[in-house]
Amino acid sequence: MEFKEKEIDASALKLAKRPLGRILLDGGFISRADLDRAAEEQKRVKQPIGEILVRMGALDADALRVVLAVQHRFSSLEDALSAAAGQRMMLGELLLQAGRLSPEKLSSALDEQSRTNEKIGGILVRRRVITERELDALLQFQKNLDDSESGSADLRLGEILVAAKKLSYRQLHDTLARQQVTKKKLGEALIEAGHCERHHVEWGLGVHKKLIAAAVITVLSLAHVPAAGVAHGAANPAAASLSVQISARVSPRVAVRTIYQAPEFVITNADVDRGYVDVAAASLFQVRNNSPAGYILAFEAGTAKFKEVRITGLASEVVITSGSAVSMQPYAGPYPVTMQLSYRFVLDKDAYPGTYAWPVMMSVSSL
């Protein structure tokens, strides 16, 4: 059906953010015992679960900063599928990393494959290790690992090191440009350029592996979630998830690539006195869209420390006052469009100084 601006329901565009503790547990950043202890402590001190885990010594502060910066990548099946970034991994390896398959069961399945020449996915479905839907979603995730354009920039090594403040965005940009000539792996190029120590690169690769494991678990957990407006058993789980967000049929060929996203924002005493915080050039992203009707940018923000968010950098200012807002964007031709956004957070009267995880999430959907 034709999708008109007046039909948009902002509440339908809100994302179901995956809990931070769940992501940390899925990725192996923390243990179940650590999470349980932190949850009990949170009842007493009323602080964010991440801060408690760091204070307990159960979680590295830099790792927390990275996970908070990419938490939006675990909001829907489409986001989790697009989070695939890095070297290709075999299906069995993905399931091992997600804890859904033991080495012994994988070895047995591979032995059967060598005898029958059956695809490993079919064997695992028949053995009830995974379902057909889970297999379809995992195959899409695996395909995205092969496609350097489809993978999430947020989960790549360079962006992880930037989010952890072990590397500046300018240093990353310069190294990526040099890498086009040298063809070296990014980690080696960063070390050679003097931008990172080897232990920083190894740390970043370890965090990347954990984030991919968390993404795979998210894909498996959301593979069975039915999408509004899509027939049961739809073949494209990514498109089904998108339709949940805007309650309409969505083209799968509109996508956003994050080039840079500030991982946090700081409130100072001066900001509290002034009543607002300005964060310039906090988001840099690129949108590819093939729909002549244009597309929708949807924004969601928590309201714990502020009562209003003003976003500039688009054709008109976007104002978030009740948790979410949308902005209609026109078709700009077949080429990707790059946008840079700045933010003004109008503080709540009870706001207090501190450093907070970046609170605004953005998604893109086709008209």
Foldseek 3Di string as FASTA:
>chain_A
DDDDPVPFDLVLQDFQFDDLVLLCPQLVLADPVLQVVLVVVCVVPVDDSVVSCVVVVSHDPLLSLLCLQLSLLLRWLLSLLLQQEDAADDPVVLCVLRVLDDPVRLVVLVVVCVVVVDDSLVSCCVVVSAHPLLSLSSVSSNVSHVPNVSHAPSLDLVNSCCSSVLAPLVLLVVLVVVCVVVVDDSLVSCVVVVSHDNVSSVVSVSSSSSSNSSSSNSNRVNSQPAAAPDDHPDSDRSQSGLCSNGVDRFDPFKFKHWSAAHFKDWDDPVCLVVQKDKFFQRTKMKIFDDDQAFKKKKKFFDPPWAQKKWKDFDPDIWIDHPGMTMDTGGDDDRDIDMTTMIMMGRTDNPHDTDMGTDGMDIDMTGD
